[in-house]
Amino acid sequence: MNTLLQRKPWYREPWPWILMSGPAIVVVAGIFTAWIAYTRGDPVISEDYYRKGLAAAQTLASSERAQMLGVQAVVRLSADDSVSVTLTAAGKDFTAPPVIQLTLSHPTRAGLDQTQALTLVGETYRGRLHLPASGHWLLLIESEGRAGEGWRLLGKVILPATEVKIGSERLAEAL
């Protein structure tokens, strides 16, 4: 009976400490998370977001210009790493530039991307690219012109392939 009357103070009991430990851990974790967020910048947001936004708008305008002109390209790939591109267009105001940029890029491996300037020889652009043996790749063809006059075509190729057509559907409608 003597033991019932002698109670320990609450801070000597284990259960209040066990019950308070959960919220205390959450408060410490919250402070630590706030410190991480405050001391480290967000790498997703770049410092020159405005310039990149303008470049994206120009890229969209170049794609729209290619569609408006009805530009279509036939890309021929050969085993000896030579590449030829033949351009056709439905638009009357289309003039073939003397040089185009051909970019072969892998969707997930940027280190494998290749860019080559192709020069106009007759009615065909010619150049060389080291073609990979197989895989899904993106082909980007861009004209080199002043701002607002350039165009770009984007297509997909599954290698090994010998011929790929990319470009506007407007050309088929015009013919």
Protein backbone atom coordinates (compact mmCIF):
# COMPACT_ATOMS: atom_id res chain seq x y z
CA MET A 1 0.00 0.00 0.00
CA ASN A 2 2.89 2.21 0.57
CA THR A 3 3.91 1.86 -3.08
CA LEU A 4 0.59 3.17 -4.39
CA LEU A 5 0.94 6.37 -2.50
CA GLN A 6 4.49 6.96 -3.72
CA ARG A 7 4.05 7.98 -7.31
CA LYS A 8 6.90 9.12 -9.48
CA PRO A 9 6.79 12.55 -11.10
CA TRP A 10 5.56 12.52 -14.72
CA TYR A 11 8.99 13.19 -16.17
CA ARG A 12 10.29 10.00 -14.59
CA GLU A 13 7.72 7.89 -16.40
CA PRO A 14 8.67 6.49 -19.87
CA TRP A 15 5.30 6.93 -21.63
CA PRO A 16 5.19 10.74 -21.77
CA TRP A 17 8.65 10.73 -23.35
CA ILE A 18 7.70 8.04 -25.87
CA LEU A 19 4.56 9.98 -26.83
CA MET A 20 6.42 13.30 -27.14
CA SER A 21 9.28 11.86 -29.18
CA GLY A 22 7.17 11.59 -32.40
CA PRO A 23 6.25 15.28 -32.62
CA ALA A 24 9.75 16.29 -31.48
CA ILE A 25 11.31 14.26 -34.33
CA VAL A 26 8.93 15.89 -36.82
CA VAL A 27 9.87 19.39 -35.62
CA VAL A 28 13.60 18.63 -35.94
CA ALA A 29 13.09 17.13 -39.42
CA GLY A 30 11.06 20.19 -40.46
CA ILE A 31 13.80 22.57 -39.32
CA PHE A 32 16.41 20.47 -41.16
CA THR A 33 14.30 20.46 -44.35
CA ALA A 34 13.83 24.22 -44.15
CA TRP A 35 17.58 24.66 -43.75
CA ILE A 36 18.24 22.49 -46.84
CA ALA A 37 15.70 24.45 -48.88
CA TYR A 38 17.13 27.80 -47.80
CA THR A 39 20.83 27.02 -48.31
CA ARG A 40 20.61 25.16 -51.63
CA GLY A 41 19.22 26.65 -54.82
CA ASP A 42 16.79 24.86 -57.08
CA PRO A 43 18.76 23.53 -60.08
CA VAL A 44 15.61 23.22 -62.19
CA ILE A 45 15.28 26.99 -62.47
CA SER A 46 18.09 28.47 -64.53
CA GLU A 47 19.42 31.98 -64.17
CA ASP A 48 18.77 32.82 -67.82
CA TYR A 49 15.21 31.49 -68.02
CA TYR A 50 14.03 34.49 -70.04
CA ARG A 51 16.64 33.99 -72.77
CA LYS A 52 15.85 30.27 -72.91
CA GLY A 53 12.16 31.08 -73.19
CA LEU A 54 12.83 33.37 -76.13
CA ALA A 55 14.94 30.67 -77.78
CA ALA A 56 12.10 28.17 -77.34
CA ALA A 57 9.69 30.63 -78.96
CA GLN A 58 12.08 31.06 -81.91
CA THR A 59 12.36 27.27 -82.23
CA LEU A 60 8.58 26.96 -82.40
CA ALA A 61 8.43 29.77 -84.95
CA SER A 62 11.05 27.99 -87.08
CA SER A 63 9.03 24.77 -87.01
CA GLU A 64 5.87 26.66 -87.92
CA ARG A 65 7.69 28.39 -90.78
CA ALA A 66 8.78 25.01 -92.18
CA GLN A 67 5.20 23.80 -91.98
CA MET A 68 3.92 27.00 -93.62
CA LEU A 69 6.41 26.59 -96.48
CA GLY A 70 5.55 22.91 -96.79
CA VAL A 71 9.18 21.84 -96.47
CA GLN A 72 9.82 18.12 -96.62
CA ALA A 73 13.15 16.30 -96.52
CA VAL A 74 14.22 12.89 -97.70
CA VAL A 75 17.30 11.80 -95.77
CA ARG A 76 19.35 8.97 -97.23
CA LEU A 77 21.78 7.20 -94.92
CA SER A 78 24.41 4.83 -96.25
CA ALA A 79 26.70 2.29 -94.64
CA ASP A 80 29.83 4.29 -95.57
CA ASP A 81 28.69 7.12 -93.22
CA SER A 82 27.63 9.44 -96.06
CA VAL A 83 24.39 11.35 -95.69
CA SER A 84 22.35 13.07 -98.37
CA VAL A 85 19.29 15.25 -97.91
CA THR A 86 16.89 16.28 -100.65
CA LEU A 87 14.48 19.12 -99.85
CA THR A 88 11.13 19.79 -101.48
CA ALA A 89 8.62 22.49 -100.62
CA ALA A 90 5.07 23.38 -101.54
CA GLY A 91 5.59 27.09 -100.84
CA LYS A 92 6.44 29.33 -103.80
CA ASP A 93 8.72 31.58 -101.74
CA PHE A 94 11.01 28.73 -100.62
CA THR A 95 14.64 28.99 -101.65
CA ALA A 96 17.11 26.28 -100.76
CA PRO A 97 19.88 27.62 -98.49
CA PRO A 98 23.48 26.83 -99.46
CA VAL A 99 24.13 25.07 -96.13
CA ILE A 100 21.89 23.22 -93.69
CA GLN A 101 22.65 21.76 -90.25
CA LEU A 102 21.82 18.11 -89.70
CA THR A 103 21.77 16.91 -86.09
CA LEU A 104 21.49 13.27 -85.18
CA SER A 105 20.64 13.05 -81.50
CA HIS A 106 19.82 10.28 -79.11
CA PRO A 107 16.77 10.95 -76.92
CA THR A 108 18.52 9.93 -73.68
CA ARG A 109 22.28 10.01 -74.34
CA ALA A 110 23.42 13.54 -75.16
CA GLY A 111 27.05 12.44 -75.44
CA LEU A 112 26.23 10.54 -78.64
CA ASP A 113 24.73 13.55 -80.45
CA GLN A 114 26.32 14.66 -83.73
CA THR A 115 25.90 17.83 -85.78
CA GLN A 116 27.13 18.24 -89.33
CA ALA A 117 26.88 21.10 -91.81
CA LEU A 118 25.69 19.76 -95.16
CA THR A 119 26.48 21.70 -98.34
CA LEU A 120 24.29 21.90 -101.41
CA VAL A 121 25.67 19.92 -104.34
CA GLY A 122 23.28 20.14 -107.29
CA GLU A 123 19.86 19.59 -105.73
CA THR A 124 21.08 17.47 -102.82
CA TYR A 125 22.86 18.31 -99.58
CA ARG A 126 25.77 16.00 -98.84
CA GLY A 127 27.94 15.30 -95.83
CA ARG A 128 29.22 12.62 -93.50
CA LEU A 129 28.03 11.41 -90.10
CA HIS A 130 29.28 8.52 -88.04
CA LEU A 131 26.09 6.49 -87.96
CA PRO A 132 25.45 4.21 -85.00
CA ALA A 133 24.55 0.60 -85.74
CA SER A 134 21.03 0.70 -84.32
CA GLY A 135 18.58 2.46 -82.06
CA HIS A 136 15.97 5.19 -81.97
CA TRP A 137 17.35 8.59 -83.00
CA LEU A 138 16.06 12.09 -83.70
CA LEU A 139 16.95 13.93 -86.90
CA LEU A 140 16.91 17.72 -86.83
CA ILE A 141 17.42 19.70 -90.02
CA GLU A 142 17.83 23.46 -89.67
CA SER A 143 18.42 26.16 -92.21
CA GLU A 144 20.99 28.80 -91.49
CA GLY A 145 19.22 32.07 -92.04
CA ARG A 146 18.60 35.36 -90.38
CA ALA A 147 16.21 35.51 -87.47
CA GLY A 148 12.66 34.97 -88.66
CA GLU A 149 13.74 33.45 -91.98
CA GLY A 150 15.06 30.10 -90.76
CA TRP A 151 13.11 26.88 -90.62
CA ARG A 152 13.59 23.51 -88.95
CA LEU A 153 12.36 19.97 -89.44
CA LEU A 154 12.34 17.32 -86.74
CA GLY A 155 11.85 13.63 -87.38
CA LYS A 156 12.55 10.21 -85.94
CA VAL A 157 14.63 7.40 -87.38
CA ILE A 158 15.12 3.84 -86.24
CA LEU A 159 18.52 2.65 -87.35
CA PRO A 160 19.53 0.76 -89.38
CA ALA A 161 17.53 2.61 -92.03
CA THR A 162 18.47 3.75 -95.50
CA GLU A 163 15.84 6.44 -96.15
CA VAL A 164 13.71 8.63 -93.92
CA LYS A 165 11.08 11.22 -94.89
CA ILE A 166 10.42 14.05 -92.49
CA GLY A 167 8.53 17.25 -92.85
CA SER A 168 5.26 18.88 -93.58
CA GLU A 169 1.95 17.28 -94.47
CA ARG A 170 1.13 20.43 -96.43
CA LEU A 171 3.30 19.19 -99.31
CA ALA A 172 1.07 16.16 -99.79
CA GLU A 173 -2.05 18.38 -99.77
CA ALA A 174 -0.58 20.75 -102.35
CA LEU A 175 0.25 17.95 -104.83
